Amino acid sequence: MEASEVKKCIEAGIPGAEASVTADGTKYTAIVVSPEFEGKTMIAEQKMVYATVNEHIQSGAIHALTIKAYTPDEWAAENA
């Protein structure tokens, strides 16, 4: 599975999300920025992202997914 396909799944599944996905074989890293994460715990944010790609994890197309989730304000602060 291409990183671009994972990106599309995440962005389609989380309103207002912008994702950046890199891949190393079947291991992926996703940076996801969405206002939907506002007020959510890190675990809740990760569950939201996992839900968008769960079928690909179950099929084995995605072996591992590292998630870094941010609200727009957190992302702005991270890159200031």
Protein backbone atom coordinates (compact mmCIF):
# COMPACT_ATOMS: atom_id res chain seq x y z
CA MET A 1 0.00 0.00 0.00
CA GLU A 2 1.35 3.40 -0.99
CA ALA A 3 1.78 6.17 1.58
CA SER A 4 -0.48 8.35 -0.57
CA GLU A 5 -3.31 5.81 -0.17
CA VAL A 6 -2.93 5.86 3.62
CA LYS A 7 -2.99 9.67 3.50
CA LYS A 8 -6.25 9.60 1.49
CA CYS A 9 -7.87 7.18 3.97
CA ILE A 10 -6.97 9.36 6.95
CA GLU A 11 -8.05 12.62 5.31
CA ALA A 12 -11.33 11.08 4.13
CA GLY A 13 -12.09 9.66 7.56
CA ILE A 14 -11.35 12.68 9.76
CA PRO A 15 -13.10 15.97 8.94
CA GLY A 16 -10.70 18.79 8.17
CA ALA A 17 -7.63 16.57 8.53
CA GLU A 18 -4.36 17.20 6.76
CA ALA A 19 -2.03 14.21 6.82
CA SER A 20 1.57 13.61 5.89
CA VAL A 21 2.45 9.92 5.59
CA THR A 22 5.80 8.25 5.02
CA ALA A 23 6.42 4.55 4.54
CA ASP A 24 9.20 2.05 5.09
CA GLY A 25 7.83 -1.14 3.61
CA THR A 26 4.63 -1.89 5.54
CA LYS A 27 5.58 0.43 8.42
CA TYR A 28 4.06 3.89 8.21
CA THR A 29 4.41 7.18 10.06
CA ALA A 30 1.53 9.64 9.90
CA ILE A 31 1.48 13.25 11.03
CA VAL A 32 -2.15 14.29 11.22
CA VAL A 33 -3.44 17.80 11.92
CA SER A 34 -7.16 18.29 12.51
CA PRO A 35 -9.46 20.57 14.49
CA GLU A 36 -11.37 17.38 15.37
CA PHE A 37 -8.60 16.56 17.87
CA GLU A 38 -9.44 19.60 20.01
CA GLY A 39 -10.06 18.53 23.60
CA LYS A 40 -9.29 14.85 22.90
CA THR A 41 -6.72 12.73 24.70
CA MET A 42 -3.76 11.34 22.78
CA ILE A 43 -5.36 7.88 22.93
CA ALA A 44 -8.65 9.21 21.53
CA GLU A 45 -6.78 10.95 18.70
CA GLN A 46 -4.90 7.76 17.83
CA LYS A 47 -8.12 5.72 17.89
CA MET A 48 -9.66 8.18 15.42
CA VAL A 49 -6.73 7.75 13.04
CA TYR A 50 -6.59 3.95 13.45
CA ALA A 51 -10.31 3.75 12.64
CA THR A 52 -9.64 5.26 9.20
CA VAL A 53 -7.14 2.53 8.23
CA ASN A 54 -8.32 -0.42 10.34
CA GLU A 55 -9.29 -2.59 7.36
CA HIS A 56 -5.77 -2.22 5.95
CA ILE A 57 -4.21 -3.13 9.30
CA GLN A 58 -6.42 -6.22 9.52
CA SER A 59 -5.55 -7.25 5.96
CA GLY A 60 -1.83 -6.91 6.70
CA ALA A 61 -1.28 -4.14 4.14
CA ILE A 62 -0.24 -1.94 7.06
CA HIS A 63 1.97 -3.73 9.56
CA ALA A 64 2.69 -0.78 11.85
CA LEU A 65 1.47 2.80 12.05
CA THR A 66 3.12 5.51 14.13
CA ILE A 67 0.76 8.42 14.70
CA LYS A 68 1.60 11.99 15.63
CA ALA A 69 -1.67 13.88 15.98
CA TYR A 70 -2.03 17.62 16.49
CA THR A 71 -4.70 20.29 16.60
CA PRO A 72 -3.95 23.21 14.27
CA ASP A 73 -2.80 25.29 17.26
CA GLU A 74 -0.52 22.50 18.53
CA TRP A 75 0.94 22.07 15.04
CA ALA A 76 1.57 25.82 14.75
CA ALA A 77 3.32 25.82 18.14
CA GLU A 78 5.37 22.74 17.17
CA ASN A 79 6.62 24.52 14.05
CA ALA A 80 7.13 27.99 15.51
